[in-house]
Amino acid sequence: MNEAELRDLKIGKIYKRDFFQCELQKNTMNYLEGCNKDFEEFTSKVYRIEGISEENKE
């Protein structure tokens, strides 16, 4: 899963499909936010180890 897929999951699939404003939505969003932070930390470590500036990811 990449950053775009994580964002799309959060915005597109959860918010749009939660017709009843389920109480578990908050838990799900908190969990996904934690996943996003972990993913960002991982990405930063990889860039640092590889000697790549985060501004020049491509």
PDB file of N, CA and C in Angstrom:
ATOM      1  N   MET A   1       0.858  -1.171   0.000  1.00  0.00           N
ATOM      2  CA  MET A   1       0.000   0.000   0.000  1.00  0.00           C
ATOM      3  C   MET A   1       0.903   1.233   0.000  1.00  0.00           C
ATOM      4  N   ASN A   2       0.562   2.196  -0.830  1.00  0.00           N
ATOM      5  CA  ASN A   2       1.337   3.423  -0.856  1.00  0.00           C
ATOM      6  C   ASN A   2       0.526   4.579  -0.263  1.00  0.00           C
ATOM      7  N   GLU A   3       1.128   5.755  -0.235  1.00  0.00           N
ATOM      8  CA  GLU A   3       0.478   6.910   0.392  1.00  0.00           C
ATOM      9  C   GLU A   3      -0.852   7.257  -0.270  1.00  0.00           C
ATOM     10  N   ALA A   4      -0.887   7.204  -1.571  1.00  0.00           N
ATOM     11  CA  ALA A   4      -2.117   7.541  -2.295  1.00  0.00           C
ATOM     12  C   ALA A   4      -3.225   6.529  -1.992  1.00  0.00           C
ATOM     13  N   GLU A   5      -2.874   5.251  -1.944  1.00  0.00           N
ATOM     14  CA  GLU A   5      -3.868   4.231  -1.635  1.00  0.00           C
ATOM     15  C   GLU A   5      -4.403   4.384  -0.213  1.00  0.00           C
ATOM     16  N   LEU A   6      -3.522   4.720   0.715  1.00  0.00           N
ATOM     17  CA  LEU A   6      -3.943   4.925   2.099  1.00  0.00           C
ATOM     18  C   LEU A   6      -4.899   6.108   2.197  1.00  0.00           C
ATOM     19  N   ARG A   7      -4.561   7.203   1.504  1.00  0.00           N
ATOM     20  CA  ARG A   7      -5.415   8.390   1.490  1.00  0.00           C
ATOM     21  C   ARG A   7      -6.762   8.081   0.832  1.00  0.00           C
ATOM     22  N   ASP A   8      -6.730   7.363  -0.296  1.00  0.00           N
ATOM     23  CA  ASP A   8      -7.967   7.016  -0.992  1.00  0.00           C
ATOM     24  C   ASP A   8      -8.856   6.121  -0.139  1.00  0.00           C
ATOM     25  N   LEU A   9      -8.239   5.207   0.580  1.00  0.00           N
ATOM     26  CA  LEU A   9      -9.003   4.329   1.462  1.00  0.00           C
ATOM     27  C   LEU A   9      -9.703   5.155   2.528  1.00  0.00           C
ATOM     28  N   LYS A  10      -8.961   6.066   3.115  1.00  0.00           N
ATOM     29  CA  LYS A  10      -9.506   6.897   4.182  1.00  0.00           C
ATOM     30  C   LYS A  10     -10.646   7.771   3.676  1.00  0.00           C
ATOM     31  N   ILE A  11     -10.422   8.459   2.595  1.00  0.00           N
ATOM     32  CA  ILE A  11     -11.406   9.417   2.101  1.00  0.00           C
ATOM     33  C   ILE A  11     -12.509   8.722   1.319  1.00  0.00           C
ATOM     34  N   GLY A  12     -12.120   7.955   0.339  1.00  0.00           N
ATOM     35  CA  GLY A  12     -13.091   7.398  -0.591  1.00  0.00           C
ATOM     36  C   GLY A  12     -13.915   6.257  -0.064  1.00  0.00           C
ATOM     37  N   LYS A  13     -13.284   5.306   0.534  1.00  0.00           N
ATOM     38  CA  LYS A  13     -13.991   4.089   0.864  1.00  0.00           C
ATOM     39  C   LYS A  13     -14.647   4.110   2.231  1.00  0.00           C
ATOM     40  N   ILE A  14     -14.122   4.880   3.142  1.00  0.00           N
ATOM     41  CA  ILE A  14     -14.694   4.876   4.485  1.00  0.00           C
ATOM     42  C   ILE A  14     -15.742   5.962   4.634  1.00  0.00           C
ATOM     43  N   TYR A  15     -15.356   7.207   4.364  1.00  0.00           N
ATOM     44  CA  TYR A  15     -16.309   8.307   4.514  1.00  0.00           C
ATOM     45  C   TYR A  15     -17.515   8.139   3.601  1.00  0.00           C
ATOM     46  N   LYS A  16     -17.269   7.815   2.356  1.00  0.00           N
ATOM     47  CA  LYS A  16     -18.368   7.745   1.396  1.00  0.00           C
ATOM     48  C   LYS A  16     -19.293   6.562   1.636  1.00  0.00           C
ATOM     49  N   ARG A  17     -18.791   5.510   2.232  1.00  0.00           N
ATOM     50  CA  ARG A  17     -19.620   4.313   2.442  1.00  0.00           C
ATOM     51  C   ARG A  17     -20.246   4.244   3.829  1.00  0.00           C
ATOM     52  N   ASP A  18     -19.933   5.178   4.677  1.00  0.00           N
ATOM     53  CA  ASP A  18     -20.496   5.168   6.035  1.00  0.00           C
ATOM     54  C   ASP A  18     -21.798   5.969   6.043  1.00  0.00           C
ATOM     55  N   PHE A  19     -22.841   5.359   5.538  1.00  0.00           N
ATOM     56  CA  PHE A  19     -24.132   6.024   5.428  1.00  0.00           C
ATOM     57  C   PHE A  19     -24.756   6.329   6.785  1.00  0.00           C
ATOM     58  N   PHE A  20     -24.426   5.550   7.780  1.00  0.00           N
ATOM     59  CA  PHE A  20     -25.077   5.663   9.080  1.00  0.00           C
ATOM     60  C   PHE A  20     -24.221   6.375  10.121  1.00  0.00           C
ATOM     61  N   GLN A  21     -23.081   6.923   9.703  1.00  0.00           N
ATOM     62  CA  GLN A  21     -22.163   7.576  10.636  1.00  0.00           C
ATOM     63  C   GLN A  21     -21.868   6.659  11.829  1.00  0.00           C
ATOM     64  N   CYS A  22     -21.451   5.473  11.512  1.00  0.00           N
ATOM     65  CA  CYS A  22     -21.167   4.441  12.495  1.00  0.00           C
ATOM     66  C   CYS A  22     -20.156   4.928  13.537  1.00  0.00           C
ATOM     67  N   GLU A  23     -20.357   4.530  14.755  1.00  0.00           N
ATOM     68  CA  GLU A  23     -19.461   4.917  15.841  1.00  0.00           C
ATOM     69  C   GLU A  23     -18.051   4.370  15.634  1.00  0.00           C
ATOM     70  N   LEU A  24     -17.943   3.268  14.926  1.00  0.00           N
ATOM     71  CA  LEU A  24     -16.626   2.681  14.676  1.00  0.00           C
ATOM     72  C   LEU A  24     -15.815   3.476  13.659  1.00  0.00           C
ATOM     73  N   GLN A  25     -16.461   4.430  12.980  1.00  0.00           N
ATOM     74  CA  GLN A  25     -15.732   5.233  12.007  1.00  0.00           C
ATOM     75  C   GLN A  25     -14.574   5.970  12.678  1.00  0.00           C
ATOM     76  N   LYS A  26     -14.799   6.510  13.859  1.00  0.00           N
ATOM     77  CA  LYS A  26     -13.747   7.235  14.566  1.00  0.00           C
ATOM     78  C   LYS A  26     -12.575   6.309  14.880  1.00  0.00           C
ATOM     79  N   ASN A  27     -12.869   5.105  15.344  1.00  0.00           N
ATOM     80  CA  ASN A  27     -11.808   4.132  15.626  1.00  0.00           C
ATOM     81  C   ASN A  27     -11.032   3.785  14.360  1.00  0.00           C
ATOM     82  N   THR A  28     -11.758   3.616  13.278  1.00  0.00           N
ATOM     83  CA  THR A  28     -11.132   3.274  12.011  1.00  0.00           C
ATOM     84  C   THR A  28     -10.233   4.408  11.536  1.00  0.00           C
ATOM     85  N   MET A  29     -10.707   5.633  11.636  1.00  0.00           N
ATOM     86  CA  MET A  29      -9.912   6.781  11.211  1.00  0.00           C
ATOM     87  C   MET A  29      -8.663   6.934  12.079  1.00  0.00           C
ATOM     88  N   ASN A  30      -8.792   6.705  13.376  1.00  0.00           N
ATOM     89  CA  ASN A  30      -7.630   6.763  14.265  1.00  0.00           C
ATOM     90  C   ASN A  30      -6.604   5.689  13.897  1.00  0.00           C
ATOM     91  N   TYR A  31      -7.091   4.495  13.592  1.00  0.00           N
ATOM     92  CA  TYR A  31      -6.212   3.401  13.193  1.00  0.00           C
ATOM     93  C   TYR A  31      -5.483   3.751  11.894  1.00  0.00           C
ATOM     94  N   LEU A  32      -6.219   4.263  10.914  1.00  0.00           N
ATOM     95  CA  LEU A  32      -5.608   4.636   9.639  1.00  0.00           C
ATOM     96  C   LEU A  32      -4.618   5.782   9.801  1.00  0.00           C
ATOM     97  N   GLU A  33      -4.911   6.706  10.695  1.00  0.00           N
ATOM     98  CA  GLU A  33      -3.983   7.806  10.952  1.00  0.00           C
ATOM     99  C   GLU A  33      -2.683   7.261  11.522  1.00  0.00           C
ATOM    100  N   GLY A  34      -2.786   6.281  12.414  1.00  0.00           N
ATOM    101  CA  GLY A  34      -1.587   5.626  12.945  1.00  0.00           C
ATOM    102  C   GLY A  34      -0.809   4.915  11.849  1.00  0.00           C
ATOM    103  N   CYS A  35      -1.518   4.261  10.936  1.00  0.00           N
ATOM    104  CA  CYS A  35      -0.871   3.603   9.797  1.00  0.00           C
ATOM    105  C   CYS A  35      -0.144   4.635   8.938  1.00  0.00           C
ATOM    106  N   ASN A  36      -0.794   5.769   8.720  1.00  0.00           N
ATOM    107  CA  ASN A  36      -0.205   6.815   7.900  1.00  0.00           C
ATOM    108  C   ASN A  36       1.085   7.349   8.540  1.00  0.00           C
ATOM    109  N   LYS A  37       1.071   7.568   9.849  1.00  0.00           N
ATOM    110  CA  LYS A  37       2.265   8.044  10.552  1.00  0.00           C
ATOM    111  C   LYS A  37       3.390   7.017  10.470  1.00  0.00           C
ATOM    112  N   ASP A  38       3.049   5.750  10.677  1.00  0.00           N
ATOM    113  CA  ASP A  38       4.055   4.688  10.580  1.00  0.00           C
ATOM    114  C   ASP A  38       4.654   4.637   9.173  1.00  0.00           C
ATOM    115  N   PHE A  39       3.784   4.777   8.168  1.00  0.00           N
ATOM    116  CA  PHE A  39       4.243   4.743   6.791  1.00  0.00           C
ATOM    117  C   PHE A  39       5.176   5.918   6.498  1.00  0.00           C
ATOM    118  N   GLU A  40       4.832   7.098   6.984  1.00  0.00           N
ATOM    119  CA  GLU A  40       5.676   8.275   6.779  1.00  0.00           C
ATOM    120  C   GLU A  40       7.033   8.102   7.457  1.00  0.00           C
ATOM    121  N   GLU A  41       7.041   7.556   8.672  1.00  0.00           N
ATOM    122  CA  GLU A  41       8.305   7.319   9.375  1.00  0.00           C
ATOM    123  C   GLU A  41       9.167   6.315   8.614  1.00  0.00           C
ATOM    124  N   PHE A  42       8.541   5.261   8.134  1.00  0.00           N
ATOM    125  CA  PHE A  42       9.256   4.249   7.361  1.00  0.00           C
ATOM    126  C   PHE A  42       9.860   4.864   6.100  1.00  0.00           C
ATOM    127  N   THR A  43       9.052   5.642   5.395  1.00  0.00           N
ATOM    128  CA  THR A  43       9.518   6.286   4.163  1.00  0.00           C
ATOM    129  C   THR A  43      10.705   7.202   4.445  1.00  0.00           C
ATOM    130  N   SER A  44      10.600   7.984   5.504  1.00  0.00           N
ATOM    131  CA  SER A  44      11.702   8.883   5.860  1.00  0.00           C
ATOM    132  C   SER A  44      12.978   8.119   6.167  1.00  0.00           C
ATOM    133  N   LYS A  45      12.865   7.006   6.875  1.00  0.00           N
ATOM    134  CA  LYS A  45      14.045   6.195   7.198  1.00  0.00           C
ATOM    135  C   LYS A  45      14.677   5.621   5.934  1.00  0.00           C
ATOM    136  N   VAL A  46      13.850   5.157   5.024  1.00  0.00           N
ATOM    137  CA  VAL A  46      14.379   4.599   3.772  1.00  0.00           C
ATOM    138  C   VAL A  46      15.128   5.670   2.999  1.00  0.00           C
ATOM    139  N   TYR A  47      14.518   6.850   2.872  1.00  0.00           N
ATOM    140  CA  TYR A  47      15.175   7.945   2.154  1.00  0.00           C
ATOM    141  C   TYR A  47      16.495   8.319   2.815  1.00  0.00           C
ATOM    142  N   ARG A  48      16.495   8.371   4.152  1.00  0.00           N
ATOM    143  CA  ARG A  48      17.720   8.735   4.872  1.00  0.00           C
ATOM    144  C   ARG A  48      18.806   7.686   4.645  1.00  0.00           C
ATOM    145  N   ILE A  49      18.452   6.421   4.749  1.00  0.00           N
ATOM    146  CA  ILE A  49      19.423   5.338   4.569  1.00  0.00           C
ATOM    147  C   ILE A  49      19.961   5.321   3.140  1.00  0.00           C
ATOM    148  N   GLU A  50      19.091   5.578   2.181  1.00  0.00           N
ATOM    149  CA  GLU A  50      19.493   5.575   0.777  1.00  0.00           C
ATOM    150  C   GLU A  50      20.157   6.869   0.339  1.00  0.00           C
ATOM    151  N   GLY A  51      20.161   7.875   1.229  1.00  0.00           N
ATOM    152  CA  GLY A  51      20.779   9.149   0.904  1.00  0.00           C
ATOM    153  C   GLY A  51      19.973   9.974  -0.076  1.00  0.00           C
ATOM    154  N   ILE A  52      18.671   9.823  -0.025  1.00  0.00           N
ATOM    155  CA  ILE A  52      17.779  10.558  -0.922  1.00  0.00           C
ATOM    156  C   ILE A  52      17.072  11.646  -0.135  1.00  0.00           C
ATOM    157  N   SER A  53      17.073  12.850  -0.655  1.00  0.00           N
ATOM    158  CA  SER A  53      16.349  13.945  -0.034  1.00  0.00           C
ATOM    159  C   SER A  53      14.862  13.724  -0.245  1.00  0.00           C
ATOM    160  N   GLU A  54      14.054  13.970   0.769  1.00  0.00           N
ATOM    161  CA  GLU A  54      12.610  13.758   0.641  1.00  0.00           C
ATOM    162  C   GLU A  54      11.976  14.693  -0.391  1.00  0.00           C
ATOM    163  N   GLU A  55      12.613  15.840  -0.645  1.00  0.00           N
ATOM    164  CA  GLU A  55      12.100  16.745  -1.661  1.00  0.00           C
ATOM    165  C   GLU A  55      12.348  16.190  -3.058  1.00  0.00           C
ATOM    166  N   ASN A  56      13.368  15.327  -3.185  1.00  0.00           N
ATOM    167  CA  ASN A  56      13.740  14.755  -4.487  1.00  0.00           C
ATOM    168  C   ASN A  56      13.453  13.257  -4.501  1.00  0.00           C
ATOM    169  N   LYS A  57      12.278  12.872  -4.095  1.00  0.00           N
ATOM    170  CA  LYS A  57      11.924  11.455  -3.984  1.00  0.00           C
ATOM    171  C   LYS A  57      11.945  10.725  -5.315  1.00  0.00           C
ATOM    172  N   GLU A  58      11.720  11.418  -6.399  1.00  0.00           N
ATOM    173  CA  GLU A  58      11.553  10.759  -7.690  1.00  0.00           C
ATOM    174  C   GLU A  58      12.838  10.316  -8.292  1.00  0.00           C
TER     175      GLU A  58
END
